[in-house]
Amino acid sequence: MAKLYYGSIDFSKLLEEAKKGNKAFSRAQNGKIYLNLNVWINDEKDQYGNDASIQSTFKDAKKEDKFYFGNLKASEPSLKPLEAGAKDIPTDEDDLPF
């Protein structure tokens, strides 16, 4: 079953590393700039409750060339399902706002 993760990236860190010329960034023939990355899925949550981390990478990268710029958490399904009954569905066509 697929899992959904949500989180954030440090865009300031990406800009900083791109301006420094980090080799994890590359320009394709189409002119677009791409970032090579790794997504690390943790066996256990870290101290902040994150389930995964995002790190830059490139071929033959040394430890000092890589940087972390994001974290992810597993999306939890809603514990309380939404319930609707016939009384919740309008039946009078005149109630439509258009």
N, C-alpha and C. Protein backbone atom coordinates (compact mmCIF):
# COMPACT_ATOMS: atom_id res chain seq x y z
N MET A 1 0.84 -1.18 0.00
CA MET A 1 0.00 0.00 0.00
C MET A 1 0.89 1.24 0.00
N ALA A 2 0.56 2.21 -0.81
CA ALA A 2 1.32 3.45 -0.89
C ALA A 2 1.17 4.25 0.40
N LYS A 3 2.21 4.99 0.74
CA LYS A 3 2.18 5.84 1.92
C LYS A 3 2.40 7.28 1.48
N LEU A 4 1.69 8.18 2.10
CA LEU A 4 1.82 9.59 1.83
C LEU A 4 2.68 10.22 2.93
N TYR A 5 3.65 11.02 2.53
CA TYR A 5 4.48 11.75 3.48
C TYR A 5 4.31 13.24 3.21
N TYR A 6 4.37 14.04 4.25
CA TYR A 6 4.30 15.49 4.09
C TYR A 6 5.45 16.10 4.86
N GLY A 7 5.83 17.30 4.50
CA GLY A 7 6.93 17.94 5.20
C GLY A 7 7.27 19.26 4.57
N SER A 8 8.52 19.67 4.77
CA SER A 8 8.96 20.94 4.23
C SER A 8 10.43 20.84 3.83
N ILE A 9 10.81 21.77 2.94
CA ILE A 9 12.21 21.86 2.55
C ILE A 9 12.70 23.26 2.90
N ASP A 10 13.97 23.37 3.14
CA ASP A 10 14.61 24.64 3.45
C ASP A 10 15.05 25.27 2.12
N PHE A 11 14.18 26.08 1.54
CA PHE A 11 14.45 26.67 0.24
C PHE A 11 15.65 27.61 0.30
N SER A 12 15.84 28.28 1.43
CA SER A 12 17.00 29.16 1.60
C SER A 12 18.30 28.37 1.48
N LYS A 13 18.31 27.17 2.06
CA LYS A 13 19.50 26.31 1.97
C LYS A 13 19.75 25.90 0.52
N LEU A 14 18.68 25.58 -0.22
CA LEU A 14 18.84 25.21 -1.63
C LEU A 14 19.44 26.36 -2.43
N LEU A 15 18.94 27.58 -2.23
CA LEU A 15 19.48 28.73 -2.94
C LEU A 15 20.94 28.97 -2.59
N GLU A 16 21.25 28.87 -1.31
CA GLU A 16 22.62 29.07 -0.84
C GLU A 16 23.57 28.07 -1.50
N GLU A 17 23.21 26.80 -1.51
CA GLU A 17 24.07 25.77 -2.09
C GLU A 17 24.16 25.90 -3.62
N ALA A 18 23.08 26.30 -4.26
CA ALA A 18 23.10 26.50 -5.71
C ALA A 18 24.05 27.64 -6.06
N LYS A 19 24.00 28.73 -5.30
CA LYS A 19 24.87 29.87 -5.55
C LYS A 19 26.34 29.53 -5.31
N LYS A 20 26.59 28.60 -4.37
CA LYS A 20 27.96 28.16 -4.11
C LYS A 20 28.47 27.22 -5.20
N GLY A 21 27.57 26.76 -6.09
CA GLY A 21 27.97 25.87 -7.17
C GLY A 21 28.03 24.41 -6.76
N ASN A 22 27.25 24.02 -5.77
CA ASN A 22 27.22 22.62 -5.34
C ASN A 22 26.92 21.72 -6.54
N LYS A 23 27.70 20.65 -6.68
CA LYS A 23 27.58 19.76 -7.84
C LYS A 23 26.30 18.93 -7.86
N ALA A 24 25.50 19.00 -6.80
CA ALA A 24 24.23 18.28 -6.78
C ALA A 24 23.23 18.92 -7.75
N PHE A 25 23.49 20.17 -8.12
CA PHE A 25 22.64 20.88 -9.08
C PHE A 25 23.22 20.72 -10.48
N SER A 26 22.34 20.52 -11.44
CA SER A 26 22.80 20.41 -12.83
C SER A 26 21.76 21.05 -13.75
N ARG A 27 22.26 21.57 -14.87
CA ARG A 27 21.36 22.17 -15.86
C ARG A 27 21.22 21.18 -17.01
N ALA A 28 19.98 20.87 -17.33
CA ALA A 28 19.68 19.93 -18.42
C ALA A 28 19.73 20.66 -19.76
N GLN A 29 19.70 19.91 -20.82
CA GLN A 29 19.72 20.49 -22.17
C GLN A 29 18.51 21.39 -22.41
N ASN A 30 17.43 21.12 -21.71
CA ASN A 30 16.22 21.94 -21.87
C ASN A 30 16.31 23.26 -21.08
N GLY A 31 17.43 23.49 -20.39
CA GLY A 31 17.64 24.72 -19.64
C GLY A 31 17.17 24.67 -18.21
N LYS A 32 16.45 23.63 -17.83
CA LYS A 32 15.94 23.52 -16.46
C LYS A 32 17.06 23.06 -15.52
N ILE A 33 16.96 23.51 -14.28
CA ILE A 33 17.95 23.14 -13.26
C ILE A 33 17.36 22.05 -12.38
N TYR A 34 18.12 20.98 -12.17
CA TYR A 34 17.67 19.85 -11.37
C TYR A 34 18.58 19.66 -10.17
N LEU A 35 18.03 19.08 -9.12
CA LEU A 35 18.78 18.75 -7.91
C LEU A 35 18.71 17.24 -7.71
N ASN A 36 19.84 16.61 -7.60
CA ASN A 36 19.88 15.18 -7.30
C ASN A 36 19.74 15.02 -5.79
N LEU A 37 18.92 14.06 -5.37
CA LEU A 37 18.66 13.93 -3.94
C LEU A 37 18.46 12.48 -3.52
N ASN A 38 18.60 12.29 -2.23
CA ASN A 38 18.27 11.03 -1.56
C ASN A 38 17.14 11.31 -0.58
N VAL A 39 16.24 10.36 -0.43
CA VAL A 39 15.23 10.43 0.62
C VAL A 39 15.50 9.26 1.57
N TRP A 40 15.79 9.59 2.80
CA TRP A 40 16.09 8.59 3.82
C TRP A 40 14.84 8.33 4.63
N ILE A 41 14.35 7.09 4.62
CA ILE A 41 13.21 6.69 5.44
C ILE A 41 13.78 6.05 6.71
N ASN A 42 13.47 6.65 7.85
CA ASN A 42 14.02 6.18 9.13
C ASN A 42 13.28 4.94 9.62
N ASP A 43 13.99 4.08 10.35
CA ASP A 43 13.35 2.93 10.99
C ASP A 43 12.46 3.39 12.14
N GLU A 44 12.87 4.47 12.80
CA GLU A 44 12.10 5.04 13.91
C GLU A 44 12.05 6.55 13.74
N LYS A 45 11.04 7.18 14.30
CA LYS A 45 10.94 8.63 14.24
C LYS A 45 12.14 9.26 14.93
N ASP A 46 12.58 10.42 14.43
CA ASP A 46 13.67 11.12 15.10
C ASP A 46 13.12 11.92 16.28
N GLN A 47 13.95 12.70 16.93
CA GLN A 47 13.53 13.43 18.13
C GLN A 47 12.45 14.48 17.87
N TYR A 48 12.25 14.83 16.58
CA TYR A 48 11.22 15.80 16.22
C TYR A 48 9.99 15.15 15.60
N GLY A 49 9.95 13.82 15.58
CA GLY A 49 8.81 13.11 15.03
C GLY A 49 8.86 12.89 13.53
N ASN A 50 10.02 13.19 12.90
CA ASN A 50 10.16 13.01 11.46
C ASN A 50 10.41 11.55 11.11
N ASP A 51 9.83 11.12 10.02
CA ASP A 51 10.00 9.75 9.54
C ASP A 51 11.02 9.65 8.42
N ALA A 52 11.36 10.78 7.81
CA ALA A 52 12.28 10.76 6.67
C ALA A 52 13.02 12.09 6.57
N SER A 53 14.14 12.06 5.86
CA SER A 53 14.94 13.26 5.62
C SER A 53 15.28 13.32 4.14
N ILE A 54 15.53 14.55 3.65
CA ILE A 54 15.90 14.74 2.25
C ILE A 54 17.31 15.32 2.21
N GLN A 55 18.17 14.70 1.39
CA GLN A 55 19.58 15.08 1.32
C GLN A 55 20.01 15.21 -0.13
N SER A 56 20.86 16.18 -0.41
CA SER A 56 21.43 16.31 -1.75
C SER A 56 22.46 15.22 -1.98
N THR A 57 22.69 14.92 -3.25
CA THR A 57 23.72 13.93 -3.59
C THR A 57 24.11 14.09 -5.04
N PHE A 58 25.21 13.50 -5.41
CA PHE A 58 25.63 13.39 -6.80
C PHE A 58 26.69 12.29 -6.88
N LYS A 59 26.97 11.84 -8.08
CA LYS A 59 27.92 10.74 -8.26
C LYS A 59 29.27 11.12 -7.66
N ASP A 60 29.83 10.21 -6.89
CA ASP A 60 31.13 10.38 -6.23
C ASP A 60 31.16 11.50 -5.20
N ALA A 61 29.99 11.88 -4.67
CA ALA A 61 29.93 12.94 -3.67
C ALA A 61 30.57 12.47 -2.37
N LYS A 62 31.33 13.36 -1.76
CA LYS A 62 31.92 13.10 -0.45
C LYS A 62 30.94 13.60 0.61
N LYS A 63 31.13 13.17 1.83
CA LYS A 63 30.22 13.53 2.91
C LYS A 63 30.06 15.05 3.02
N GLU A 64 31.15 15.78 2.87
CA GLU A 64 31.09 17.24 3.02
C GLU A 64 30.39 17.93 1.83
N ASP A 65 30.19 17.22 0.73
CA ASP A 65 29.48 17.78 -0.42
C ASP A 65 27.96 17.67 -0.28
N LYS A 66 27.50 16.78 0.58
CA LYS A 66 26.06 16.55 0.75
C LYS A 66 25.51 17.46 1.83
N PHE A 67 24.24 17.81 1.71
CA PHE A 67 23.59 18.62 2.74
C PHE A 67 22.14 18.19 2.87
N TYR A 68 21.62 18.31 4.09
CA TYR A 68 20.21 18.00 4.35
C TYR A 68 19.41 19.28 4.20
N PHE A 69 18.23 19.18 3.57
CA PHE A 69 17.43 20.37 3.37
C PHE A 69 15.94 20.16 3.59
N GLY A 70 15.54 19.01 4.13
CA GLY A 70 14.13 18.80 4.39
C GLY A 70 13.85 17.59 5.25
N ASN A 71 12.65 17.56 5.78
CA ASN A 71 12.17 16.45 6.61
C ASN A 71 10.73 16.12 6.23
N LEU A 72 10.36 14.87 6.47
CA LEU A 72 9.02 14.39 6.13
C LEU A 72 8.44 13.59 7.29
N LYS A 73 7.13 13.62 7.37
CA LYS A 73 6.40 12.80 8.34
C LYS A 73 5.37 11.98 7.58
N ALA A 74 5.09 10.80 8.09
CA ALA A 74 4.07 9.96 7.48
C ALA A 74 2.71 10.56 7.77
N SER A 75 1.88 10.64 6.75
CA SER A 75 0.54 11.16 6.91
C SER A 75 -0.32 10.11 7.60
N GLU A 76 -0.99 10.52 8.64
CA GLU A 76 -1.85 9.61 9.40
C GLU A 76 -3.27 9.69 8.86
N PRO A 77 -3.91 8.56 8.64
CA PRO A 77 -5.31 8.61 8.19
C PRO A 77 -6.19 9.22 9.28
N SER A 78 -7.25 9.84 8.85
CA SER A 78 -8.18 10.44 9.80
C SER A 78 -8.74 9.36 10.70
N LEU A 79 -8.71 9.60 12.00
CA LEU A 79 -9.21 8.62 12.95
C LEU A 79 -10.73 8.59 13.00
N LYS A 80 -11.36 9.72 12.69
CA LYS A 80 -12.81 9.81 12.74
C LYS A 80 -13.33 9.96 11.31
N PRO A 81 -13.97 8.95 10.77
CA PRO A 81 -14.48 9.07 9.41
C PRO A 81 -15.62 10.08 9.35
N LEU A 82 -15.70 10.76 8.23
CA LEU A 82 -16.80 11.70 8.03
C LEU A 82 -18.05 10.92 7.71
N GLU A 83 -19.12 11.27 8.36
CA GLU A 83 -20.38 10.56 8.12
C GLU A 83 -21.41 11.54 7.57
N ALA A 84 -22.07 11.14 6.55
CA ALA A 84 -23.15 11.95 5.96
C ALA A 84 -24.33 11.05 5.71
N GLY A 85 -25.48 11.62 5.92
CA GLY A 85 -26.71 10.87 5.68
C GLY A 85 -27.57 11.61 4.67
N ALA A 86 -28.72 11.02 4.39
CA ALA A 86 -29.64 11.62 3.41
C ALA A 86 -30.05 13.03 3.83
N LYS A 87 -30.14 13.29 5.13
CA LYS A 87 -30.55 14.61 5.60
C LYS A 87 -29.50 15.69 5.30
N ASP A 88 -28.27 15.28 5.03
CA ASP A 88 -27.19 16.23 4.75
C ASP A 88 -27.12 16.63 3.27
N ILE A 89 -27.86 15.95 2.41
CA ILE A 89 -27.82 16.22 0.98
C ILE A 89 -29.04 17.02 0.59
N PRO A 90 -28.85 18.24 0.04
CA PRO A 90 -30.00 19.06 -0.33
C PRO A 90 -30.78 18.40 -1.47
N THR A 91 -32.11 18.44 -1.38
CA THR A 91 -32.95 17.81 -2.41
C THR A 91 -33.71 18.85 -3.22
N ASP A 92 -33.83 20.06 -2.73
CA ASP A 92 -34.58 21.09 -3.42
C ASP A 92 -33.66 21.82 -4.39
N GLU A 93 -33.93 21.72 -5.68
CA GLU A 93 -33.09 22.33 -6.69
C GLU A 93 -33.04 23.83 -6.56
N ASP A 94 -34.01 24.45 -5.92
CA ASP A 94 -34.03 25.90 -5.75
C ASP A 94 -32.96 26.37 -4.77
N ASP A 95 -32.38 25.45 -3.99
CA ASP A 95 -31.36 25.81 -3.03
C ASP A 95 -29.99 26.00 -3.68
N LEU A 96 -29.85 25.70 -4.96
CA LEU A 96 -28.56 25.82 -5.63
C LEU A 96 -28.18 27.29 -5.77
N PRO A 97 -26.93 27.64 -5.52
CA PRO A 97 -26.51 29.04 -5.56
C PRO A 97 -26.31 29.59 -6.97
N PHE A 98 -26.59 28.84 -8.02
CA PHE A 98 -26.38 29.34 -9.39
C PHE A 98 -27.57 29.10 -10.26
